[in-house]
């Protein structure tokens, strides 16, 4: 079943990062309605919530521990830029194409480096999803 992409237009790209709440624990991540992904500073996926999982149509064990570049080819060349932007007080908003089992999607997301269960991580909150032709 394809995700309802209209429901995933969750925030405008002009929304300030400070107006968005970033999770600081697995419990907060799981409770979020907004799709969210937690990554290590080197781009390994550490966690994601059910809203994010539904976007790609994969199982949790197929994603956790893998690098974001396996789902978004080319992100490895942009990763340092994302982390640097995420360390800024206002974070950063970006777009990236990802591959899913069903299709390719363009994601808009807000990135912020946060303390998560006592360690620095990159949190990506997905604000918009659009199918690619």
C-alpha atoms as a PDB file:
ATOM      1  CA  UNK A   1       0.000   0.000   0.000  1.00  0.00           C
ATOM      2  CA  UNK A   2       1.391   3.406  -0.990  1.00  0.00           C
ATOM      3  CA  UNK A   3       1.622   6.075   1.696  1.00  0.00           C
ATOM      4  CA  UNK A   4      -0.818   8.980   1.477  1.00  0.00           C
ATOM      5  CA  UNK A   5       1.675  11.530   0.194  1.00  0.00           C
ATOM      6  CA  UNK A   6      -0.728  14.435   0.704  1.00  0.00           C
ATOM      7  CA  UNK A   7      -0.725  13.708   4.442  1.00  0.00           C
ATOM      8  CA  UNK A   8       3.058  13.926   4.469  1.00  0.00           C
ATOM      9  CA  UNK A   9       3.157  17.613   3.549  1.00  0.00           C
ATOM     10  CA  UNK A  10       3.620  18.322   7.237  1.00  0.00           C
ATOM     11  CA  UNK A  11       5.453  21.611   7.424  1.00  0.00           C
ATOM     12  CA  UNK A  12       6.358  24.428   5.112  1.00  0.00           C
ATOM     13  CA  UNK A  13       9.977  24.748   4.068  1.00  0.00           C
ATOM     14  CA  UNK A  14       9.879  28.207   5.621  1.00  0.00           C
ATOM     15  CA  UNK A  15       9.112  26.817   9.079  1.00  0.00           C
ATOM     16  CA  UNK A  16      11.955  27.678  11.452  1.00  0.00           C
ATOM     17  CA  UNK A  17      13.769  24.713  12.956  1.00  0.00           C
ATOM     18  CA  UNK A  18      13.290  26.214  16.406  1.00  0.00           C
ATOM     19  CA  UNK A  19       9.506  25.813  15.956  1.00  0.00           C
ATOM     20  CA  UNK A  20       9.934  22.061  15.472  1.00  0.00           C
ATOM     21  CA  UNK A  21      10.473  19.659  18.349  1.00  0.00           C
ATOM     22  CA  UNK A  22      13.304  17.180  17.811  1.00  0.00           C
ATOM     23  CA  UNK A  23      13.244  13.879  19.714  1.00  0.00           C
ATOM     24  CA  UNK A  24      15.869  13.301  22.399  1.00  0.00           C
ATOM     25  CA  UNK A  25      15.052   9.643  23.149  1.00  0.00           C
ATOM     26  CA  UNK A  26      13.632   6.540  21.497  1.00  0.00           C
ATOM     27  CA  UNK A  27      10.373   7.050  23.395  1.00  0.00           C
ATOM     28  CA  UNK A  28      10.006  10.569  21.984  1.00  0.00           C
ATOM     29  CA  UNK A  29      10.943   9.348  18.497  1.00  0.00           C
ATOM     30  CA  UNK A  30       8.300   6.610  18.627  1.00  0.00           C
ATOM     31  CA  UNK A  31       5.642   9.057  19.861  1.00  0.00           C
ATOM     32  CA  UNK A  32       6.164  11.559  17.030  1.00  0.00           C
ATOM     33  CA  UNK A  33       3.532  11.919  14.323  1.00  0.00           C
ATOM     34  CA  UNK A  34       6.038  13.560  11.948  1.00  0.00           C
ATOM     35  CA  UNK A  35       8.315  11.096  10.103  1.00  0.00           C
ATOM     36  CA  UNK A  36      11.744  11.182  11.735  1.00  0.00           C
ATOM     37  CA  UNK A  37      15.055   9.400  11.228  1.00  0.00           C
ATOM     38  CA  UNK A  38      17.985   9.355  13.673  1.00  0.00           C
ATOM     39  CA  UNK A  39      21.441   8.886  12.185  1.00  0.00           C
ATOM     40  CA  UNK A  40      24.961   8.675  13.550  1.00  0.00           C
ATOM     41  CA  UNK A  41      27.316  11.513  12.723  1.00  0.00           C
ATOM     42  CA  UNK A  42      28.765   9.326   9.933  1.00  0.00           C
ATOM     43  CA  UNK A  43      25.359   8.621   8.338  1.00  0.00           C
ATOM     44  CA  UNK A  44      24.395   5.228   9.775  1.00  0.00           C
ATOM     45  CA  UNK A  45      20.668   4.887  10.503  1.00  0.00           C
ATOM     46  CA  UNK A  46      20.179   4.365  14.231  1.00  0.00           C
ATOM     47  CA  UNK A  47      16.402   4.633  14.441  1.00  0.00           C
ATOM     48  CA  UNK A  48      13.237   5.811  12.785  1.00  0.00           C
ATOM     49  CA  UNK A  49       9.619   6.049  13.754  1.00  0.00           C
ATOM     50  CA  UNK A  50       6.636   4.291  12.190  1.00  0.00           C
ATOM     51  CA  UNK A  51       5.676   7.370  10.169  1.00  0.00           C
ATOM     52  CA  UNK A  52       9.104   7.308   8.470  1.00  0.00           C
ATOM     53  CA  UNK A  53       9.002   3.549   8.067  1.00  0.00           C
ATOM     54  CA  UNK A  54       5.717   3.752   6.143  1.00  0.00           C
ATOM     55  CA  UNK A  55       7.289   6.051   3.543  1.00  0.00           C
ATOM     56  CA  UNK A  56       9.723   3.425   2.299  1.00  0.00           C
ATOM     57  CA  UNK A  57       7.669   0.303   2.747  1.00  0.00           C
ATOM     58  CA  UNK A  58      10.505  -1.644   4.334  1.00  0.00           C
ATOM     59  CA  UNK A  59      10.825  -3.463   7.628  1.00  0.00           C
ATOM     60  CA  UNK A  60      12.728  -1.899  10.541  1.00  0.00           C
ATOM     61  CA  UNK A  61      15.438  -4.589  10.491  1.00  0.00           C
ATOM     62  CA  UNK A  62      16.123  -3.811   6.806  1.00  0.00           C
ATOM     63  CA  UNK A  63      16.985  -0.190   7.646  1.00  0.00           C
ATOM     64  CA  UNK A  64      18.561   0.040  11.116  1.00  0.00           C
ATOM     65  CA  UNK A  65      22.353  -0.120  10.978  1.00  0.00           C
ATOM     66  CA  UNK A  66      22.609   0.647   7.270  1.00  0.00           C
ATOM     67  CA  UNK A  67      23.983   3.859   5.831  1.00  0.00           C
ATOM     68  CA  UNK A  68      21.618   6.508   4.448  1.00  0.00           C
ATOM     69  CA  UNK A  69      23.537   6.329   1.161  1.00  0.00           C
ATOM     70  CA  UNK A  70      22.072   2.854   0.551  1.00  0.00           C
ATOM     71  CA  UNK A  71      18.640   4.475   0.209  1.00  0.00           C
ATOM     72  CA  UNK A  72      19.719   7.922  -1.033  1.00  0.00           C
ATOM     73  CA  UNK A  73      22.649   7.385  -3.406  1.00  0.00           C
ATOM     74  CA  UNK A  74      24.941  10.387  -3.439  1.00  0.00           C
ATOM     75  CA  UNK A  75      24.135  11.571   0.095  1.00  0.00           C
ATOM     76  CA  UNK A  76      27.615  10.427   1.132  1.00  0.00           C
ATOM     77  CA  UNK A  77      29.017  13.337  -0.898  1.00  0.00           C
ATOM     78  CA  UNK A  78      26.699  15.805   0.847  1.00  0.00           C
ATOM     79  CA  UNK A  79      26.773  14.324   4.345  1.00  0.00           C
ATOM     80  CA  UNK A  80      29.404  16.646   5.831  1.00  0.00           C
ATOM     81  CA  UNK A  81      27.371  19.622   4.589  1.00  0.00           C
ATOM     82  CA  UNK A  82      24.246  18.217   6.278  1.00  0.00           C
ATOM     83  CA  UNK A  83      26.035  17.672   9.589  1.00  0.00           C
ATOM     84  CA  UNK A  84      27.571  21.160   9.474  1.00  0.00           C
ATOM     85  CA  UNK A  85      24.157  22.721   8.808  1.00  0.00           C
ATOM     86  CA  UNK A  86      22.635  20.604  11.564  1.00  0.00           C
ATOM     87  CA  UNK A  87      25.109  22.022  14.063  1.00  0.00           C
ATOM     88  CA  UNK A  88      23.908  25.581  13.363  1.00  0.00           C
ATOM     89  CA  UNK A  89      21.290  27.041  15.728  1.00  0.00           C
ATOM     90  CA  UNK A  90      18.683  27.026  12.946  1.00  0.00           C
ATOM     91  CA  UNK A  91      19.704  23.666  11.477  1.00  0.00           C
ATOM     92  CA  UNK A  92      19.080  23.254   7.777  1.00  0.00           C
ATOM     93  CA  UNK A  93      16.404  22.246   5.288  1.00  0.00           C
ATOM     94  CA  UNK A  94      17.312  20.031   2.339  1.00  0.00           C
ATOM     95  CA  UNK A  95      15.852  17.824  -0.381  1.00  0.00           C
ATOM     96  CA  UNK A  96      17.028  14.386  -1.413  1.00  0.00           C
ATOM     97  CA  UNK A  97      15.762  11.627  -3.683  1.00  0.00           C
ATOM     98  CA  UNK A  98      15.389   8.196  -2.131  1.00  0.00           C
ATOM     99  CA  UNK A  99      14.590   4.801  -3.549  1.00  0.00           C
ATOM    100  CA  UNK A 100      11.906   2.602  -2.037  1.00  0.00           C
ATOM    101  CA  UNK A 101      10.697  -0.832  -3.033  1.00  0.00           C
ATOM    102  CA  UNK A 102       7.789   0.733  -4.878  1.00  0.00           C
ATOM    103  CA  UNK A 103       9.130   3.950  -6.345  1.00  0.00           C
ATOM    104  CA  UNK A 104      11.492   6.871  -6.070  1.00  0.00           C
ATOM    105  CA  UNK A 105      10.542   9.807  -3.858  1.00  0.00           C
ATOM    106  CA  UNK A 106      11.774  13.337  -3.276  1.00  0.00           C
ATOM    107  CA  UNK A 107      11.952  14.155   0.431  1.00  0.00           C
ATOM    108  CA  UNK A 108      12.221  17.571   2.006  1.00  0.00           C
ATOM    109  CA  UNK A 109      13.605  17.374   5.507  1.00  0.00           C
ATOM    110  CA  UNK A 110      14.907  19.476   8.353  1.00  0.00           C
ATOM    111  CA  UNK A 111      18.202  18.314   9.838  1.00  0.00           C
ATOM    112  CA  UNK A 112      19.556  19.095  13.295  1.00  0.00           C
ATOM    113  CA  UNK A 113      22.410  17.683  15.356  1.00  0.00           C
ATOM    114  CA  UNK A 114      20.884  16.869  18.746  1.00  0.00           C
ATOM    115  CA  UNK A 115      21.674  15.027  21.952  1.00  0.00           C
ATOM    116  CA  UNK A 116      19.801  11.716  21.729  1.00  0.00           C
ATOM    117  CA  UNK A 117      19.952   9.349  24.693  1.00  0.00           C
ATOM    118  CA  UNK A 118      23.276  10.938  25.685  1.00  0.00           C
ATOM    119  CA  UNK A 119      25.031  10.944  22.315  1.00  0.00           C
ATOM    120  CA  UNK A 120      25.207  13.481  19.476  1.00  0.00           C
ATOM    121  CA  UNK A 121      23.195  12.383  16.449  1.00  0.00           C
ATOM    122  CA  UNK A 122      21.692  13.829  13.304  1.00  0.00           C
ATOM    123  CA  UNK A 123      17.904  13.962  13.411  1.00  0.00           C
ATOM    124  CA  UNK A 124      16.074  14.368  10.115  1.00  0.00           C
ATOM    125  CA  UNK A 125      12.407  15.368  10.262  1.00  0.00           C
ATOM    126  CA  UNK A 126      10.668  14.700   6.957  1.00  0.00           C
ATOM    127  CA  UNK A 127       8.384  17.588   6.072  1.00  0.00           C
ATOM    128  CA  UNK A 128       7.335  16.734   2.519  1.00  0.00           C
ATOM    129  CA  UNK A 129       7.268  13.676   0.280  1.00  0.00           C
ATOM    130  CA  UNK A 130       6.654  13.782  -3.464  1.00  0.00           C
ATOM    131  CA  UNK A 131       6.744  10.928  -5.945  1.00  0.00           C
ATOM    132  CA  UNK A 132       9.353  11.210  -8.684  1.00  0.00           C
ATOM    133  CA  UNK A 133       8.270  10.474 -12.264  1.00  0.00           C
END
